[in-house]
Amino acid sequence: MLVRRRNQYGVSLVELIIVLAIVGFLLGMAMPVFSGWTQNVQVRSVAESIQNGLQQARTEALRRNASVRFQLTSSVDNSCTLSSIQPNWVINLGTSGSSDPTNLCGTAISPTVSATGPNIIQFYNATAAAPNVVASMTSAANSMIVFNSLGQVVWPASNTTIDLTNPNGGACASAAGPITCMRIVVSVGGQIRMCNPNVASGSPQGC
């Protein structure tokens, strides 16, 4: 009795090697694009967090009818120092003295006001999510922005800019690099906006 042989379907070793080679080639082509996208996302996310933090600080100043500080810090634990280049930030009550959060950024957020400070309202650890992003305030002497009870900026006495870059990812697009750097602009009147330095100033997204 004759038994009909069934056709066997499958992939030969040569075909498998060819497919793997093609996949590897495509992944190799896509990796630089994906890496650049990731570095740009880090800049954008930190810029948005700083913008939100500044808006919260201003809102708290209006709500509490008191001075509220927004400051960039080296970290958000008790080893923190004020910094004009690190993107971490802390919001707390007060203008000076006991309101300085240096070495106290790890203090728990408290709904009550303490005379010994630092009366932290909120904080954000940017370096945990975006370790390559660098912040730069208008002046190295400016590591904080203080809002008064009217929502106006009382320190510094001029408009402030905070530039967000990613040196490890490359130069900014304004310098023909691959990174879309961002800028936060805070006016003495309390207006806060995020813009792109590489876009013409007349554009809604431009600086």
Protein backbone atom coordinates (compact mmCIF):
# COMPACT_ATOMS: atom_id res chain seq x y z
CA MET A 1 0.00 0.00 0.00
CA LEU A 2 1.38 3.35 -1.01
CA VAL A 3 1.47 6.08 1.66
CA ARG A 4 1.37 9.63 0.37
CA ARG A 5 4.15 11.70 1.86
CA ARG A 6 3.00 14.92 3.43
CA ASN A 7 4.72 18.11 2.42
CA GLN A 8 6.83 19.51 5.24
CA TYR A 9 6.98 23.26 5.65
CA GLY A 10 9.66 25.07 7.60
CA VAL A 11 12.60 27.43 7.46
CA SER A 12 16.02 26.33 6.42
CA LEU A 13 19.13 27.38 8.31
CA VAL A 14 20.23 29.59 5.44
CA GLU A 15 16.88 31.39 5.36
CA LEU A 16 17.02 31.90 9.13
CA ILE A 17 20.50 33.40 8.90
CA ILE A 18 19.39 35.76 6.15
CA VAL A 19 16.36 36.92 8.17
CA LEU A 20 18.50 37.50 11.27
CA ALA A 21 21.02 39.46 9.23
CA ILE A 22 18.28 41.69 7.83
CA VAL A 23 16.76 42.26 11.29
CA GLY A 24 20.18 43.08 12.72
CA PHE A 25 20.84 45.55 9.92
CA LEU A 26 17.50 47.30 10.45
CA LEU A 27 18.07 47.49 14.21
CA GLY A 28 21.50 48.96 13.61
CA MET A 29 19.99 51.63 11.39
CA ALA A 30 17.23 52.42 13.90
CA MET A 31 19.35 52.61 17.06
CA PRO A 32 20.84 56.09 16.44
CA VAL A 33 17.38 57.46 15.66
CA PHE A 34 15.89 55.87 18.78
CA SER A 35 18.79 57.09 20.94
CA GLY A 36 18.37 60.65 19.67
CA TRP A 37 14.63 60.49 20.31
CA THR A 38 15.25 59.30 23.88
CA GLN A 39 17.71 62.13 24.59
CA ASN A 40 15.24 64.70 23.25
CA VAL A 41 12.43 63.25 25.38
CA GLN A 42 14.61 63.70 28.48
CA VAL A 43 15.08 67.41 27.73
CA ARG A 44 11.38 67.94 27.07
CA SER A 45 10.24 66.10 30.21
CA VAL A 46 12.60 68.06 32.48
CA ALA A 47 11.56 71.35 30.88
CA GLU A 48 7.90 70.51 31.50
CA SER A 49 8.63 69.52 35.11
CA ILE A 50 10.40 72.83 35.79
CA GLN A 51 7.60 74.79 34.14
CA ASN A 52 5.03 72.93 36.26
CA GLY A 53 7.12 73.47 39.39
CA LEU A 54 7.35 77.20 38.77
CA GLN A 55 3.62 77.43 38.17
CA GLN A 56 2.97 75.52 41.38
CA ALA A 57 5.30 77.81 43.34
CA ARG A 58 3.48 80.88 42.03
CA THR A 59 0.07 79.34 42.77
CA GLU A 60 1.15 78.49 46.33
CA ALA A 61 2.37 82.05 46.86
CA LEU A 62 -1.03 83.39 45.81
CA ARG A 63 -2.97 80.80 47.80
CA ARG A 64 -0.97 81.15 51.00
CA ASN A 65 -0.53 84.94 50.69
CA ALA A 66 3.16 84.42 51.41
CA SER A 67 6.55 84.32 49.71
CA VAL A 68 7.38 80.99 48.09
CA ARG A 69 10.74 79.91 46.72
CA PHE A 70 11.50 77.72 43.72
CA GLN A 71 15.12 76.57 43.63
CA LEU A 72 17.26 74.22 41.59
CA THR A 73 19.21 71.78 43.75
CA SER A 74 22.00 69.26 43.33
CA SER A 75 19.73 66.51 44.69
CA VAL A 76 16.51 66.09 46.67
CA ASP A 77 18.02 64.37 49.69
CA ASN A 78 19.77 65.80 52.73
CA SER A 79 23.05 66.19 50.85
CA CYS A 80 21.49 68.84 48.61
CA THR A 81 22.92 72.25 47.81
CA LEU A 82 21.47 75.06 45.73
CA SER A 83 22.62 74.75 42.12
CA SER A 84 22.24 76.77 38.95
CA ILE A 85 23.04 73.81 36.68
CA GLN A 86 21.17 70.82 38.14
CA PRO A 87 17.54 70.23 37.04
CA ASN A 88 16.24 68.92 40.40
CA TRP A 89 13.99 71.39 42.18
CA VAL A 90 12.45 72.14 45.56
CA ILE A 91 9.56 74.47 46.45
CA ASN A 92 9.32 75.85 49.97
CA LEU A 93 7.99 78.77 51.98
CA GLY A 94 10.06 81.82 52.85
CA THR A 95 12.76 84.00 51.38
CA SER A 96 15.87 83.53 53.51
CA GLY A 97 17.32 82.19 56.75
CA SER A 98 15.45 79.09 57.92
CA SER A 99 13.80 78.75 54.51
CA ASP A 100 17.10 77.73 52.89
CA PRO A 101 16.67 74.01 52.02
CA THR A 102 20.43 73.29 51.81
CA ASN A 103 21.10 69.90 53.47
CA LEU A 104 17.37 69.64 54.21
CA CYS A 105 15.81 68.67 50.87
CA GLY A 106 14.97 65.24 52.25
CA THR A 107 12.73 66.77 54.92
CA ALA A 108 9.20 65.45 54.68
CA ILE A 109 6.55 67.66 53.13
CA SER A 110 4.47 69.14 55.95
CA PRO A 111 1.11 70.94 55.82
CA THR A 112 2.11 73.03 58.83
CA VAL A 113 4.60 75.90 58.89
CA SER A 114 7.63 75.53 61.13
CA ALA A 115 9.79 78.41 62.38
CA THR A 116 12.88 76.25 61.88
CA GLY A 117 12.03 75.45 58.25
CA PRO A 118 12.61 74.47 55.59
CA ASN A 119 8.82 74.16 55.04
CA ILE A 120 9.07 72.15 51.83
CA ILE A 121 5.93 72.15 49.70
CA GLN A 122 7.06 69.97 46.79
CA PHE A 123 10.18 68.58 45.12
CA TYR A 124 11.19 66.74 41.96
CA ASN A 125 14.12 64.42 41.29
CA ALA A 126 14.89 65.15 37.64
CA THR A 127 18.24 63.33 37.51
CA ALA A 128 16.52 60.01 38.27
CA ALA A 129 14.42 60.23 35.10
CA ALA A 130 16.76 62.29 32.92
CA PRO A 131 20.38 61.93 34.09
CA ASN A 132 21.87 63.62 31.03
CA VAL A 133 19.96 66.89 31.17
CA VAL A 134 21.74 70.04 32.36
CA ALA A 135 19.98 73.20 33.50
CA SER A 136 21.46 76.66 33.25
CA MET A 137 19.91 79.73 34.89
CA THR A 138 20.52 83.24 33.59
CA SER A 139 23.33 83.77 36.10
CA ALA A 140 25.35 81.34 38.17
CA ALA A 141 24.34 83.41 41.19
CA ASN A 142 20.68 82.64 40.49
CA SER A 143 19.70 79.25 41.82
CA MET A 144 16.24 80.31 42.95
CA ILE A 145 13.17 82.31 42.01
CA VAL A 146 11.01 83.85 44.72
CA PHE A 147 7.33 84.68 44.18
CA ASN A 148 5.51 87.09 46.49
CA SER A 149 1.89 86.97 47.63
CA LEU A 150 0.83 88.74 44.41
CA GLY A 151 2.45 86.09 42.23
CA GLN A 152 5.21 88.45 41.13
CA VAL A 153 8.92 87.63 41.11
CA VAL A 154 10.87 89.48 43.82
CA TRP A 155 14.11 87.58 43.24
CA PRO A 156 15.92 88.00 40.96
CA ALA A 157 14.97 91.55 40.01
CA SER A 158 14.98 90.83 36.27
CA ASN A 159 13.54 88.28 33.88
CA THR A 160 15.02 84.81 34.35
CA THR A 161 15.76 82.13 31.78
CA ILE A 162 16.49 78.47 32.45
CA ASP A 163 18.05 76.62 29.50
CA LEU A 164 17.78 72.83 29.32
CA THR A 165 20.44 71.05 27.28
CA ASN A 166 21.77 67.51 26.86
CA PRO A 167 25.55 67.66 26.24
CA ASN A 168 25.90 63.87 26.26
CA GLY A 169 23.28 63.59 23.54
CA GLY A 170 24.87 66.29 21.41
CA ALA A 171 24.72 69.98 20.64
CA CYS A 172 21.48 71.96 20.48
CA ALA A 173 19.64 72.27 17.18
CA SER A 174 20.45 76.01 17.21
CA ALA A 175 24.11 74.96 16.87
CA ALA A 176 23.30 72.43 14.14
CA GLY A 177 23.17 69.59 16.66
CA PRO A 178 20.62 66.78 17.11
CA ILE A 179 19.10 67.94 20.41
CA THR A 180 15.96 70.07 20.65
CA CYS A 181 16.98 72.18 23.63
CA MET A 182 14.30 74.01 25.60
CA ARG A 183 14.11 77.25 27.57
CA ILE A 184 11.89 78.39 30.44
CA VAL A 185 11.32 82.14 30.66
CA VAL A 186 10.04 83.74 33.88
CA SER A 187 9.21 87.45 33.84
CA VAL A 188 9.26 89.70 36.90
CA GLY A 189 5.48 89.93 36.55
CA GLY A 190 5.22 86.18 37.16
CA GLN A 191 4.53 84.97 33.63
CA ILE A 192 6.02 81.53 32.93
CA ARG A 193 6.44 80.02 29.49
CA MET A 194 8.41 77.28 27.78
CA CYS A 195 9.91 77.92 24.36
CA ASN A 196 12.32 76.52 21.78
CA PRO A 197 15.44 78.69 21.20
CA ASN A 198 15.77 77.24 17.70
CA VAL A 199 12.37 78.59 16.61
CA ALA A 200 11.97 82.17 15.42
CA SER A 201 10.88 84.58 18.17
CA GLY A 202 7.75 85.54 16.23
CA SER A 203 6.45 81.96 16.43
CA PRO A 204 4.26 80.87 19.39
CA GLN A 205 6.89 78.22 20.23
CA GLY A 206 9.85 80.54 19.73
CA CYS A 207 11.79 82.42 22.36
